[in-house]
Amino acid sequence: MKFLKYFTLNMIMVALVITLTNCTTHISPPLRIGANLWTGYETLYLARDLGYYDQKLIKLVDYPSGTEEVRAYRNHEIEGAGLSIDQALVLAATQENIKIITIMDISNGGDVILGKPEITDIKALKGKRVGVESTALGAFFIARALEKNQMSIKDIQLVSLELIEHEQAYKQGKVDAVVTFGPARIKLLASGAKLLFDSSQIPGEIVDVLAINTEAIANNYDSIQSLINGRFRALDYLAKNPHDAAIRMAKRTKVTPKQILEAFKGLDQPNLIQNQKLLNKSDPTLVNGMKKLVKIMVENKLMPKTIDPASILDDRFVKNAKL
């Protein structure tokens, strides 16, 4: 009799454990996406502000610079990031676990070299201190500006600065010019800095992308698709409601709505159809530009080895996007 009671009690406990286990909902971790204060990434935050990511397992993570995003990606702190294309290429050459799933923007004046008012042009930078972020893009951009003016890196004094240091270093006289973008560009121009060079002078060479690791694609497919859907909905909202969109985005960037709309004039944001063509290579502009960039970066030791850029383009999310 005691055995029967003991056996019955144990069976009840086992059944209870099974029931509780079955009733427990498995909560997947959110898809973590890094971004910095580059204007081209603001449509991700606009999508969040508009509620397009509500009830979605998506978390946007702010970083002070692209360099910090790359570090976080390497350390598995994020699954994806808004990156300049050179950063995505370096990651592809060193980790081989990354795919470009969206072209966020093509800089058309948004990246700049700003100098003190008395500096008349790029050639006047000879012997001067030029602040620049220690990234492949920073090195590439200043090198291209100098090259177009028959100069080289040896003609200037490079000063390594993080993005968050650009405005202060310029205003405190620590540099004579600075390679910059985003809110720092807006604020320095407003304070009287002189525009010496911008990305419109090297069209199609400065591209920003959304890149995701291959493990996340395998495990978080639906969240990634929701991320892309929301982003293109936000891009459409920006086109149709620029004033309201600017008010929403200005809160995060700490510039005025008018200034942020002005900043958007410095870049082209390929729409969904353009993204599909660029990523499936029916429009070869992107992949051809990437091949040129890989060659330049390898020659200048900014990249450890050459890769086939086409191998890291993934068009499935833009192909299946729903607005």
Protein backbone atom coordinates (compact mmCIF):
# COMPACT_ATOMS: atom_id res chain seq x y z
CA MET A 1 0.00 0.00 0.00
CA LYS A 2 2.81 2.40 0.90
CA PHE A 3 4.54 1.47 -2.33
CA LEU A 4 1.40 2.22 -4.32
CA LYS A 5 1.06 5.66 -2.65
CA TYR A 6 4.73 6.42 -3.30
CA PHE A 7 4.45 5.30 -6.92
CA THR A 8 1.26 7.33 -7.48
CA LEU A 9 2.80 10.46 -5.94
CA ASN A 10 5.86 10.17 -8.15
CA MET A 11 3.75 9.74 -11.25
CA ILE A 12 1.76 12.87 -10.38
CA MET A 13 4.97 14.85 -9.89
CA VAL A 14 6.38 13.66 -13.22
CA ALA A 15 3.14 14.58 -14.99
CA LEU A 16 3.18 18.01 -13.34
CA VAL A 17 6.78 18.66 -14.45
CA ILE A 18 5.95 17.65 -18.02
CA THR A 19 2.87 19.88 -18.04
CA LEU A 20 4.81 22.87 -16.70
CA THR A 21 7.61 22.29 -19.21
CA ASN A 22 5.15 22.18 -22.09
CA CYS A 23 3.46 25.36 -20.88
CA THR A 24 6.73 27.31 -20.71
CA THR A 25 7.14 29.52 -23.77
CA HIS A 26 10.65 29.59 -25.25
CA ILE A 27 11.73 33.23 -25.59
CA SER A 28 14.24 33.77 -28.39
CA PRO A 29 16.90 36.44 -27.89
CA PRO A 30 16.44 39.62 -29.96
CA LEU A 31 18.30 40.28 -33.19
CA ARG A 32 20.90 42.90 -32.19
CA ILE A 33 21.81 45.46 -34.86
CA GLY A 34 24.56 48.03 -34.31
CA ALA A 35 24.65 51.51 -35.83
CA ASN A 36 26.38 54.85 -35.32
CA LEU A 37 25.32 58.45 -35.93
CA TRP A 38 25.64 58.33 -39.70
CA THR A 39 22.62 59.87 -41.42
CA GLY A 40 22.22 56.87 -43.70
CA TYR A 41 21.29 54.61 -40.77
CA GLU A 42 18.57 56.87 -39.41
CA THR A 43 15.77 55.10 -41.29
CA LEU A 44 16.32 52.10 -38.99
CA TYR A 45 15.59 54.31 -35.98
CA LEU A 46 12.71 55.98 -37.80
CA ALA A 47 11.19 52.52 -38.33
CA ARG A 48 11.48 51.88 -34.60
CA ASP A 49 9.96 55.25 -33.72
CA LEU A 50 7.04 54.60 -36.07
CA GLY A 51 6.33 51.31 -34.32
CA TYR A 52 7.30 49.07 -37.22
CA TYR A 53 9.44 46.94 -34.90
CA ASP A 54 6.88 46.68 -32.10
CA GLN A 55 6.32 43.05 -31.10
CA LYS A 56 9.40 42.12 -33.16
CA LEU A 57 12.57 40.57 -31.74
CA ILE A 58 14.78 43.43 -32.92
CA LYS A 59 17.12 45.57 -30.82
CA LEU A 60 19.01 48.55 -32.25
CA VAL A 61 22.29 49.18 -30.42
CA ASP A 62 24.03 52.59 -30.59
CA TYR A 63 27.82 52.83 -30.99
CA PRO A 64 30.02 55.94 -31.12
CA SER A 65 31.75 54.83 -34.32
CA GLY A 66 31.95 52.17 -37.00
CA THR A 67 35.16 50.95 -35.38
CA GLU A 68 33.23 50.10 -32.21
CA GLU A 69 30.58 48.32 -34.28
CA VAL A 70 33.23 46.12 -35.91
CA ARG A 71 34.68 45.29 -32.48
CA ALA A 72 31.22 44.40 -31.17
CA TYR A 73 30.55 42.22 -34.24
CA ARG A 74 33.83 40.35 -33.80
CA ASN A 75 33.01 39.80 -30.12
CA HIS A 76 29.52 38.44 -30.93
CA GLU A 77 27.82 41.32 -29.09
CA ILE A 78 25.68 42.05 -32.15
CA GLU A 79 24.45 39.93 -35.05
CA GLY A 80 24.54 42.68 -37.64
CA ALA A 81 25.43 46.32 -38.21
CA GLY A 82 25.22 49.34 -40.42
CA LEU A 83 28.75 49.51 -41.81
CA SER A 84 30.71 51.32 -44.48
CA ILE A 85 31.37 48.88 -47.27
CA ASP A 86 35.12 48.77 -46.60
CA GLN A 87 34.42 47.55 -43.05
CA ALA A 88 32.15 44.82 -44.39
CA LEU A 89 34.86 43.76 -46.85
CA VAL A 90 37.53 43.56 -44.14
CA LEU A 91 35.21 41.43 -41.99
CA ALA A 92 34.51 39.17 -44.98
CA ALA A 93 38.24 38.75 -45.59
CA THR A 94 38.98 37.88 -41.97
CA GLN A 95 35.89 36.05 -40.68
CA GLU A 96 34.01 34.80 -43.74
CA ASN A 97 30.69 34.80 -41.88
CA ILE A 98 29.08 37.98 -43.16
CA LYS A 99 26.53 38.88 -45.81
CA ILE A 100 25.45 42.28 -47.12
CA ILE A 101 21.64 42.27 -47.21
CA THR A 102 20.77 45.92 -47.92
CA ILE A 103 22.45 48.96 -49.45
CA MET A 104 21.60 51.73 -47.00
CA ASP A 105 23.06 54.66 -48.90
CA ILE A 106 25.63 55.90 -51.36
CA SER A 107 27.37 59.01 -50.08
CA ASN A 108 26.99 61.96 -52.43
CA GLY A 109 28.40 64.81 -50.36
CA GLY A 110 27.67 63.41 -46.89
CA ASP A 111 31.32 62.56 -46.19
CA VAL A 112 33.47 65.67 -46.08
CA ILE A 113 36.82 67.23 -45.31
CA LEU A 114 36.29 70.47 -43.41
CA GLY A 115 39.02 73.01 -42.74
CA LYS A 116 39.58 76.23 -40.87
CA PRO A 117 38.12 79.24 -42.72
CA GLU A 118 41.56 80.46 -43.77
CA ILE A 119 42.37 77.16 -45.54
CA THR A 120 41.29 77.74 -49.13
CA ASP A 121 41.51 74.26 -50.66
CA ILE A 122 42.94 70.74 -50.25
CA LYS A 123 46.37 71.81 -51.50
CA ALA A 124 46.54 74.32 -48.65
CA LEU A 125 46.51 71.35 -46.22
CA LYS A 126 50.19 70.67 -46.96
CA GLY A 127 51.96 70.33 -43.60
CA LYS A 128 48.67 70.77 -41.71
CA ARG A 129 47.10 68.53 -39.02
CA VAL A 130 44.14 66.57 -40.39
CA GLY A 131 41.92 64.61 -38.03
CA VAL A 132 40.54 61.31 -39.30
CA GLU A 133 38.93 58.22 -37.84
CA SER A 134 41.27 55.19 -37.83
CA THR A 135 39.27 53.13 -40.28
CA ALA A 136 39.88 51.85 -43.79
CA LEU A 137 37.22 54.26 -45.01
CA GLY A 138 38.91 57.24 -43.33
CA ALA A 139 42.24 56.28 -44.89
CA PHE A 140 40.64 55.65 -48.28
CA PHE A 141 38.70 58.92 -48.31
CA ILE A 142 41.61 61.18 -47.37
CA ALA A 143 43.88 59.31 -49.80
CA ARG A 144 41.41 59.80 -52.66
CA ALA A 145 41.01 63.53 -51.85
CA LEU A 146 44.77 64.01 -51.83
CA GLU A 147 45.25 61.91 -54.96
CA LYS A 148 42.76 64.07 -56.89
CA ASN A 149 44.85 67.09 -55.90
CA GLN A 150 48.22 65.57 -56.83
CA MET A 151 49.17 65.04 -53.17
CA SER A 152 49.81 62.07 -50.88
CA ILE A 153 49.47 61.17 -47.20
CA LYS A 154 53.10 62.22 -46.73
CA ASP A 155 52.07 65.83 -47.41
CA ILE A 156 49.91 66.13 -44.26
CA GLN A 157 50.02 65.29 -40.55
CA LEU A 158 47.40 62.68 -39.73
CA VAL A 159 45.75 62.91 -36.31
CA SER A 160 43.75 59.85 -35.24
CA LEU A 161 40.34 60.82 -33.82
CA GLU A 162 37.21 58.90 -32.91
CA LEU A 163 34.02 60.24 -34.47
CA ILE A 164 32.79 61.63 -31.14
CA GLU A 165 36.02 63.69 -30.90
CA HIS A 166 35.76 65.42 -34.30
CA GLU A 167 33.78 68.51 -33.33
CA GLN A 168 35.66 69.21 -30.11
CA ALA A 169 39.12 68.64 -31.63
CA TYR A 170 38.35 71.08 -34.45
CA LYS A 171 36.90 73.76 -32.18
CA GLN A 172 39.78 73.47 -29.69
CA GLY A 173 42.36 73.91 -32.45
CA LYS A 174 43.85 70.43 -32.11
CA VAL A 175 43.50 69.95 -35.87
CA ASP A 176 43.44 72.26 -38.88
CA ALA A 177 40.97 70.09 -40.78
CA VAL A 178 38.89 66.98 -40.17
CA VAL A 179 37.46 64.12 -42.21
CA THR A 180 33.94 63.76 -40.86
CA PHE A 181 30.23 63.10 -41.43
CA GLY A 182 26.86 63.01 -39.67
CA PRO A 183 25.98 65.47 -36.89
CA ALA A 184 29.63 66.59 -36.60
CA ARG A 185 29.54 67.66 -40.26
CA ILE A 186 26.30 69.58 -39.72
CA LYS A 187 27.49 71.37 -36.59
CA LEU A 188 30.95 72.27 -37.91
CA LEU A 189 29.56 73.69 -41.14
CA ALA A 190 27.08 75.73 -39.09
CA SER A 191 29.98 77.09 -37.00
CA GLY A 192 31.85 78.34 -40.08
CA ALA A 193 34.11 75.46 -41.12
CA LYS A 194 35.11 75.52 -44.80
CA LEU A 195 34.15 72.65 -47.08
CA LEU A 196 37.33 71.47 -48.82
CA PHE A 197 36.22 68.16 -50.33
CA ASP A 198 33.21 65.87 -50.28
CA SER A 199 32.13 62.46 -51.52
CA SER A 200 30.24 63.90 -54.50
CA GLN A 201 33.69 64.32 -56.08
CA ILE A 202 34.22 60.53 -56.02
CA PRO A 203 30.70 59.36 -56.97
CA GLY A 204 29.69 55.82 -56.05
CA GLU A 205 32.84 55.09 -54.05
CA ILE A 206 31.51 55.56 -50.49
CA VAL A 207 28.73 53.07 -49.77
CA ASP A 208 27.03 52.08 -46.52
CA VAL A 209 25.39 48.71 -46.05
CA LEU A 210 23.48 46.58 -43.60
CA ALA A 211 25.47 43.42 -42.94
CA ILE A 212 24.41 40.30 -40.99
CA ASN A 213 26.30 37.24 -39.85
CA THR A 214 25.42 33.94 -41.50
CA GLU A 215 24.48 32.27 -38.22
CA ALA A 216 21.81 34.92 -37.61
CA ILE A 217 20.47 34.36 -41.11
CA ALA A 218 20.08 30.67 -40.26
CA ASN A 219 18.56 31.23 -36.80
CA ASN A 220 16.76 34.62 -36.99
CA TYR A 221 15.43 34.67 -40.53
CA ASP A 222 12.00 36.08 -39.68
CA SER A 223 13.45 38.86 -37.50
CA ILE A 224 15.84 39.86 -40.25
CA GLN A 225 12.98 39.98 -42.75
CA SER A 226 11.00 42.16 -40.32
CA LEU A 227 14.03 44.44 -39.97
CA ILE A 228 14.24 44.90 -43.74
CA ASN A 229 10.49 45.33 -44.18
CA GLY A 230 10.43 48.04 -41.50
CA ARG A 231 13.44 49.83 -42.90
CA PHE A 232 11.96 50.18 -46.38
CA ARG A 233 8.59 51.21 -44.93
CA ALA A 234 10.47 53.95 -43.04
CA LEU A 235 12.29 55.02 -46.21
CA ASP A 236 8.91 55.32 -47.92
CA TYR A 237 7.54 57.29 -44.94
CA LEU A 238 10.50 59.68 -45.13
CA ALA A 239 9.80 60.33 -48.83
CA LYS A 240 6.08 60.98 -48.24
CA ASN A 241 6.25 62.73 -44.84
CA PRO A 242 9.68 64.40 -44.67
CA HIS A 243 8.76 67.01 -42.06
CA ASP A 244 7.33 64.56 -39.51
CA ALA A 245 10.11 62.07 -40.20
CA ALA A 246 12.73 64.78 -39.61
CA ILE A 247 11.16 65.74 -36.27
CA ARG A 248 11.28 62.09 -35.17
CA MET A 249 14.91 61.57 -36.26
CA ALA A 250 16.18 64.88 -34.88
CA LYS A 251 15.44 63.70 -31.33
CA ARG A 252 18.17 61.06 -31.52
CA THR A 253 20.72 62.95 -33.57
CA LYS A 254 20.44 66.19 -31.53
CA VAL A 255 20.28 68.41 -34.61
CA THR A 256 17.32 70.38 -35.93
CA PRO A 257 14.76 68.80 -38.30
CA LYS A 258 15.88 71.25 -40.98
CA GLN A 259 19.52 70.23 -40.53
CA ILE A 260 18.78 66.52 -40.78
CA LEU A 261 16.80 66.98 -44.00
CA GLU A 262 19.74 68.98 -45.33
CA ALA A 263 22.06 66.11 -44.36
CA PHE A 264 19.96 63.65 -46.37
CA LYS A 265 20.72 65.72 -49.47
CA GLY A 266 24.31 64.49 -49.14
CA LEU A 267 23.45 60.88 -49.84
CA ASP A 268 21.43 58.69 -52.17
CA GLN A 269 19.30 55.98 -50.55
CA PRO A 270 18.53 53.21 -53.07
CA ASN A 271 14.87 52.18 -52.89
CA LEU A 272 13.67 48.58 -52.72
CA ILE A 273 13.73 47.97 -56.47
CA GLN A 274 17.19 49.54 -56.80
CA ASN A 275 18.41 47.39 -53.89
CA GLN A 276 17.11 44.26 -55.58
CA LYS A 277 18.98 45.09 -58.79
CA LEU A 278 22.21 45.99 -56.99
CA LEU A 279 22.22 42.89 -54.79
CA ASN A 280 21.23 40.42 -57.51
CA LYS A 281 23.84 42.08 -59.74
CA SER A 282 21.47 42.80 -62.64
CA ASP A 283 22.80 46.32 -62.05
CA PRO A 284 26.58 45.65 -61.86
CA THR A 285 27.45 49.10 -60.49
CA LEU A 286 27.82 47.92 -56.89
CA VAL A 287 29.82 44.77 -57.48
CA ASN A 288 32.13 46.53 -59.95
CA GLY A 289 32.75 49.33 -57.46
CA MET A 290 33.46 46.76 -54.74
CA LYS A 291 36.02 45.02 -56.95
CA LYS A 292 37.79 48.34 -57.46
CA LEU A 293 37.72 49.04 -53.73
CA VAL A 294 39.09 45.57 -52.86
CA LYS A 295 42.00 46.14 -55.24
CA ILE A 296 42.82 49.55 -53.73
CA MET A 297 42.51 48.26 -50.16
CA VAL A 298 44.72 45.22 -50.74
CA GLU A 299 47.36 47.34 -52.51
CA ASN A 300 47.39 49.79 -49.57
CA LYS A 301 47.41 46.99 -46.96
CA LEU A 302 43.99 48.01 -45.64
CA MET A 303 42.72 44.48 -46.24
CA PRO A 304 44.60 41.21 -45.60
CA LYS A 305 43.61 39.42 -48.81
CA THR A 306 41.45 39.74 -51.89
CA ILE A 307 37.90 38.34 -51.97
CA ASP A 308 35.14 38.01 -54.54
CA PRO A 309 32.67 40.77 -53.56
CA ALA A 310 29.78 38.98 -55.26
CA SER A 311 30.11 36.15 -52.73
CA ILE A 312 28.97 38.34 -49.82
CA LEU A 313 25.90 39.87 -51.49
CA ASP A 314 22.60 38.29 -50.38
CA ASP A 315 19.42 39.53 -52.06
CA ARG A 316 16.84 37.19 -50.48
CA PHE A 317 15.56 39.71 -47.90
CA VAL A 318 15.08 42.61 -50.32
CA LYS A 319 13.56 40.19 -52.83
CA ASN A 320 10.96 39.08 -50.26
CA ALA A 321 10.43 42.49 -48.61
CA LYS A 322 6.85 43.66 -48.03
CA LEU A 323 6.02 47.32 -47.46
